[in-house]
Protein backbone atom coordinates (compact mmCIF):
# COMPACT_ATOMS: atom_id res chain seq x y z
CA MET A 1 -14.96 23.30 -8.84
CA ALA A 2 -12.41 21.42 -10.91
CA LEU A 3 -9.38 19.21 -10.87
CA ARG A 4 -7.37 18.77 -14.04
CA SER A 5 -8.25 16.06 -16.57
CA GLY A 6 -11.70 15.24 -15.24
CA ALA A 7 -11.08 13.74 -11.81
CA ASN A 8 -14.09 12.79 -9.74
CA ILE A 9 -14.74 13.35 -6.04
CA THR A 10 -17.04 10.71 -4.57
CA ALA A 11 -18.35 10.43 -1.02
CA TYR A 12 -18.76 6.73 -0.19
CA GLY A 13 -20.36 7.17 3.22
CA ARG A 14 -19.49 7.63 6.87
CA ALA A 15 -18.11 5.70 9.80
CA PRO A 16 -17.48 6.82 13.41
CA ALA A 17 -13.87 8.02 12.89
CA PRO A 18 -11.46 8.89 11.41
CA ALA A 19 -12.30 10.60 8.14
CA LEU A 20 -10.64 9.07 5.09
CA LEU A 21 -9.59 10.72 1.84
CA ALA A 22 -8.26 8.17 -0.61
CA VAL A 23 -6.74 8.60 -4.06
CA GLY A 24 -6.75 6.18 -6.99
CA THR A 25 -6.43 6.11 -10.74
CA LYS A 26 -8.85 3.23 -11.28
CA ASP A 27 -12.02 1.91 -9.61
CA ARG A 28 -10.22 -1.26 -8.51
CA ASP A 29 -7.67 0.83 -6.59
CA ILE A 30 -10.44 2.25 -4.43
CA ALA A 31 -12.19 -1.11 -4.10
CA GLN A 32 -9.16 -2.35 -2.16
CA VAL A 33 -9.64 0.25 0.61
CA ARG A 34 -12.21 -0.67 3.26
CA LEU A 35 -13.24 1.46 6.20
CA SER A 36 -12.40 -1.45 8.51
CA GLU A 37 -8.75 -1.03 7.53
CA VAL A 38 -8.17 2.37 9.10
CA GLY A 39 -7.30 0.57 12.33
CA PRO A 40 -8.46 -2.14 14.70
CA GLY A 41 -11.89 -1.30 16.05
CA LYS A 42 -12.05 1.98 14.14
CA GLY A 43 -14.12 1.34 11.05
CA LYS A 44 -17.31 -0.32 9.97
CA SER A 45 -19.05 -0.85 6.66
CA ALA A 46 -19.86 2.38 4.85
CA LYS A 47 -23.39 1.06 4.32
CA ALA A 48 -24.19 0.14 7.90
CA GLY A 49 -26.89 2.25 9.52
CA GLN A 50 -26.96 4.93 6.85
CA ASN A 51 -29.89 6.99 5.74
CA GLY A 52 -30.56 7.76 2.09
CA ASP A 53 -27.80 10.39 2.00
CA GLY A 54 -25.13 7.93 3.13
CA MET A 55 -24.94 9.44 6.63
CA LEU A 56 -25.14 7.49 9.84
CA GLN A 57 -28.54 8.13 11.37
CA GLY A 58 -28.72 10.34 14.44
CA GLU A 59 -25.22 11.83 14.09
CA PRO A 60 -24.71 15.59 13.62
CA SER A 61 -23.18 16.84 10.40
CA THR A 62 -20.00 18.73 11.36
CA PRO A 63 -17.45 19.59 8.64
CA LEU A 64 -13.98 18.40 9.55
CA ILE A 65 -12.31 19.74 6.40
CA ARG A 66 -13.50 22.61 4.28
CA PHE A 67 -12.18 24.01 0.98
CA GLU A 68 -13.30 27.58 0.30
CA GLY A 69 -12.67 28.76 -3.25
CA VAL A 70 -9.36 26.90 -3.39
CA SER A 71 -7.12 27.14 -6.42
CA PHE A 72 -3.55 25.91 -6.59
CA SER A 73 -0.76 26.17 -9.14
CA TYR A 74 2.87 25.17 -8.73
CA MET A 75 4.03 28.16 -10.79
CA PRO A 76 1.35 30.87 -10.74
CA GLU A 77 3.93 33.53 -11.66
CA ARG A 78 4.39 31.77 -15.01
CA ASN A 79 0.64 31.52 -15.65
CA ARG A 80 0.82 27.74 -15.43
CA PRO A 81 -2.66 26.14 -15.53
CA PRO A 82 -3.81 25.34 -11.97
CA GLU A 83 -3.86 21.78 -10.68
CA VAL A 84 -6.89 22.69 -8.56
CA GLU A 85 -9.30 25.49 -9.45
CA GLY A 86 -12.30 26.98 -7.63
CA LEU A 87 -12.74 24.05 -5.24
CA ASP A 88 -15.51 24.26 -2.63
CA ILE A 89 -16.07 21.03 -0.70
CA GLU A 90 -16.72 19.88 2.85
CA VAL A 91 -15.66 16.60 4.45
CA GLU A 92 -17.42 15.57 7.63
CA ASP A 93 -15.98 13.70 10.59
CA GLY A 94 -15.87 10.02 9.66
CA GLU A 95 -16.70 10.55 5.98
CA PHE A 96 -15.06 8.33 3.36
CA VAL A 97 -14.19 10.46 0.30
CA VAL A 98 -12.46 9.22 -2.84
CA LEU A 99 -10.62 11.30 -5.44
CA LEU A 100 -10.66 9.25 -8.61
CA GLY A 101 -8.94 10.32 -11.82
CA PRO A 102 -5.98 9.90 -14.19
CA SER A 103 -2.38 10.65 -13.28
CA GLY A 104 -1.57 14.37 -13.17
CA CYS A 105 -5.09 15.66 -12.60
CA GLY A 106 -4.39 17.19 -9.16
CA LYS A 107 -5.41 14.46 -6.71
CA SER A 108 -2.12 14.38 -4.81
CA SER A 109 -1.99 18.19 -4.79
CA LEU A 110 -5.37 18.30 -3.08
CA LEU A 111 -4.25 15.84 -0.39
CA ASN A 112 -1.06 17.83 0.16
CA LEU A 113 -3.15 20.97 0.65
CA VAL A 114 -5.10 19.23 3.40
CA ALA A 115 -1.90 17.84 4.93
CA GLY A 116 -0.33 21.29 5.04
CA PHE A 117 2.60 20.49 2.75
CA LEU A 118 1.27 22.90 0.10
CA TYR A 119 -0.62 26.19 0.39
CA PRO A 120 -3.46 27.45 -1.85
CA THR A 121 -2.73 30.03 -4.52
CA GLU A 122 -6.24 31.33 -3.86
CA GLY A 123 -8.84 30.57 -1.20
CA ARG A 124 -8.21 28.64 1.99
CA VAL A 125 -8.29 25.13 3.46
CA LEU A 126 -9.74 24.72 6.95
CA PHE A 127 -9.43 21.86 9.41
CA ARG A 128 -11.84 22.05 12.35
CA ASP A 129 -12.59 25.66 11.38
CA LYS A 130 -8.93 26.69 11.52
CA VAL A 131 -6.86 27.57 8.47
CA VAL A 132 -4.32 24.84 7.65
CA ARG A 133 -0.88 26.44 8.01
CA GLY A 134 1.32 23.35 8.15
CA PRO A 135 1.45 19.61 8.91
CA SER A 136 -0.22 18.19 12.01
CA PRO A 137 -0.36 14.70 13.62
CA GLU A 138 -4.16 15.01 13.37
CA ARG A 139 -3.82 14.68 9.58
CA GLY A 140 -2.01 11.45 8.76
CA MET A 141 -0.59 11.03 5.26
CA VAL A 142 0.28 7.86 3.32
CA PHE A 143 2.46 8.89 0.38
CA GLN A 144 2.86 7.35 -3.06
CA SER A 145 6.63 7.22 -2.61
CA VAL A 146 7.87 4.26 -0.60
CA ASP A 147 11.36 5.57 0.21
CA ALA A 148 11.12 9.25 1.14
CA PRO A 149 8.56 8.93 3.98
CA LEU A 150 10.63 6.43 5.99
CA PHE A 151 13.67 7.26 8.11
CA SER A 152 16.52 5.19 6.68
CA TRP A 153 18.40 5.03 10.01
CA LEU A 154 15.39 3.64 11.93
CA THR A 155 14.09 0.07 12.03
CA THR A 156 10.53 -0.87 11.11
CA ARG A 157 9.41 -0.69 14.75
CA GLU A 158 11.23 2.61 15.29
CA ASN A 159 9.63 4.12 12.19
CA VAL A 160 6.17 3.09 13.39
CA THR A 161 6.73 4.40 16.94
CA PHE A 162 8.35 7.66 15.79
CA GLY A 163 5.28 9.84 16.39
CA LEU A 164 3.90 8.01 19.44
CA ARG A 165 4.07 9.58 22.90
CA HIS A 166 2.72 6.91 25.26
CA GLY A 167 5.92 5.66 26.91
CA ALA A 168 8.34 3.08 25.55
CA ALA A 169 6.42 -0.07 26.51
CA GLU A 170 3.05 1.17 25.24
CA ASN A 171 4.62 2.56 22.08
CA ALA A 172 6.16 -0.85 21.34
CA ARG A 173 2.86 -2.63 22.03
CA ILE A 174 0.95 -0.34 19.66
CA ALA A 175 3.63 -0.59 16.98
CA ASP A 176 3.80 -4.38 17.13
CA ASN A 177 0.00 -4.60 16.83
CA TYR A 178 -0.01 -2.55 13.63
CA ILE A 179 3.09 -4.27 12.27
CA LYS A 180 1.23 -7.54 12.69
CA MET A 181 -1.83 -6.03 11.06
CA VAL A 182 0.13 -5.23 7.88
CA HIS A 183 1.76 -8.69 7.88
CA LEU A 184 5.30 -7.55 8.74
CA ALA A 185 5.77 -9.63 11.89
CA GLY A 186 9.41 -10.73 11.87
CA ALA A 187 10.59 -7.55 10.14
CA GLU A 188 10.40 -5.33 13.25
CA ASN A 189 14.17 -4.87 13.43
CA LYS A 190 14.88 -4.48 9.74
CA TYR A 191 15.90 -1.17 8.20
CA PRO A 192 14.20 0.31 5.10
CA SER A 193 17.16 -0.73 2.93
CA GLU A 194 16.36 -4.35 3.83
CA LEU A 195 12.69 -4.09 2.82
CA SER A 196 10.99 -4.43 -0.55
CA GLY A 197 8.88 -1.60 -1.97
CA GLY A 198 5.66 -3.26 -0.85
CA MET A 199 7.02 -3.82 2.65
CA LYS A 200 8.02 -0.15 2.92
CA GLN A 201 4.51 0.85 1.89
CA ARG A 202 3.11 -1.31 4.67
CA VAL A 203 5.43 0.33 7.20
CA GLN A 204 3.93 3.66 6.10
CA LEU A 205 0.42 2.32 6.63
CA ALA A 206 1.27 0.94 10.07
CA ARG A 207 2.86 4.21 11.15
CA VAL A 208 -0.09 6.34 10.12
CA TRP A 209 -2.68 3.99 11.63
CA ALA A 210 -0.70 3.84 14.89
CA MET A 211 -0.95 7.62 15.20
CA ASN A 212 -4.77 7.40 15.21
CA PRO A 213 -5.21 10.72 13.38
CA ALA A 214 -8.50 12.54 12.92
CA VAL A 215 -8.19 12.20 9.15
CA LEU A 216 -6.32 9.72 6.95
CA LEU A 217 -4.95 11.06 3.67
CA MET A 218 -4.07 8.07 1.50
CA ASP A 219 -2.37 8.67 -1.85
CA GLU A 220 -2.75 5.41 -3.81
CA PRO A 221 -1.87 3.50 -0.62
CA TYR A 222 -1.89 0.07 -2.26
CA ALA A 223 -0.09 1.02 -5.49
CA ASN A 224 3.15 -0.74 -4.47
CA LEU A 225 1.52 -3.87 -3.07
CA ASP A 226 1.31 -7.12 -5.01
CA ALA A 227 -2.10 -8.56 -5.91
CA ILE A 228 -1.99 -11.26 -3.21
CA THR A 229 -1.26 -8.76 -0.43
CA LYS A 230 -3.95 -6.39 -1.71
CA CYS A 231 -6.55 -9.14 -1.53
CA ASP A 232 -5.32 -10.21 1.89
CA PHE A 233 -5.68 -6.64 3.18
CA SER A 234 -9.13 -6.28 1.67
CA TRP A 235 -10.74 -9.41 3.04
CA ASN A 236 -8.91 -10.50 6.20
CA GLU A 237 -10.14 -9.44 9.63
CA ASP A 238 -8.08 -7.16 11.86
CA PRO A 239 -5.81 -9.04 14.31
CA ALA A 240 -6.84 -7.08 17.40
């Protein structure tokens, strides 16, 4: 299997749920992402209770995501070199997998294949033993871009509640909890045009976490955050 320019795929361990695929260009990017940050009460240390293979003892090994001979090129008709070639991997429920490599090596393409925004040139991508044929709320995506993923006509709270289906009061309660978690309390009624790049990125994070998906796809999720906020996210406890 191969991604362009020597990217590495590293399994860091497992936690109860959800699975997490994270992307970074440097080791310190990945060091900022902890399993405890996928949502209040969701994660625990990747080292806790593991056996020698990094798996939690006593839990069955069930692939959540599977790549079978996957290759992908944006312009196969022009014989453009593939971004992803001959990829065969499995990601289990609760596994923490990191794609680490330089810009342009195919990391984002791989996440977009899992998300259902792109389709393989060859092979197939499966989620829970079904071929991925499009986006799903079970596969939450945090994008590199801070502007495109947010709805410009919705406030912070409305962006976070957009995909929730629990009733207005419960939706607002969940949204406010995650808005607080990403340190945006007080910005609930602001529109994206009133937010900085780092604040928009945190709205993305809150929205995806609020959906409680089966898998989190995080494409350099902290790239637009300042150093102080990164450290605060990495070491502070969840508010719930």
